[in-house]
Amino acid sequence: MLEILIPYTIAIVILTITPGLDTTLIIRTATLETRQKAFQTALGINFGCMVWGIVVACGLGALLATSELAFNVLKWIGAAYLAWLGLKLLVKPRSNLENNMDIQRTTNWFLKGFFCNILNPKVGLFYITFLPQFIPKDVTPFIWIMGLVAIHVVLGFLWLSILIVMMQPISRFLKQPKIVRCLDQITGAIFLLFALKLVMSKR
C-alpha cells in the first residue's frame, strides 16, 4: 500500500498547490471577506470533491468520459456560472465592504465554493483518469477510491487553510476602497478566463 500511497500523495500535493479557480476564489474571499467565510468556501470546494469522488466510485463518472452530450451539458452550465460570477464582479465591483453587509449575510459561501467545484466536469474527468492508476488488485474499488479522494480532500483543505491564514495579515490593507474595487475586477476577469477555458475544453 505504501508503494501506491506515497507516489499518489506526492502527485496530489503538486496538483493541489497548482494555482487554479479554487485558489483564486479562496484568496479573494480571505482578503475581502472574513476568515469564517473563507473557511466556509473551502469546505464547499472540498465537499464538491467528495461528491465527485462518490460519482466516480459509483461508476457514474464514466458517463462524462463516454458521453459527449453529458460532458458538454455540464461544461456549459459550469461556464455559465463562472461567467455570471465574473461579470457581476466586473460590472459592479465593490468599493466599500460595509455597504454590502446585507448582501454578504445572504450569500452562502459554502454553496459558492461547492458550485464552483461541482460544475467543473474536469474535476470528474481528473478523478476517473487519475485515480485508477492507484487502485491495487483485490480491493473494493468504491472504498479505495473514496479513500484516495479523502486524502485529496484533507490535503486540499490544509492547503486552502494555509492560504486563508497567509492572507489575514494583509487583509486590512486590501480592504481599502480602491483595492477592493481592483481585486473584484481582477477576480471577475479571472473567472471569465476560467469560463472561456472551460468552454474550449474537450473530453
Foldseek 3Di string as FASTA:
>chain_A
DCVLVVVLLVVLLVVLPPDDLLLLVLLLCLQAPHLVLSLLLLLLQLVLLLVLLQCVLVVVLVCCVPPQVVVLVLLLVLLVVLLVQLVCLQVDFFQAVVVCVVVVVPDRSSNVSNSNRNSQSVSSVCLNPPVVVRDDPPDNSSVSSSVSSVSSSVSNSVVSNVSSVVSVVCSVVCNHRVNRSVSSNVSSVSSNVVSVVSNPDDD
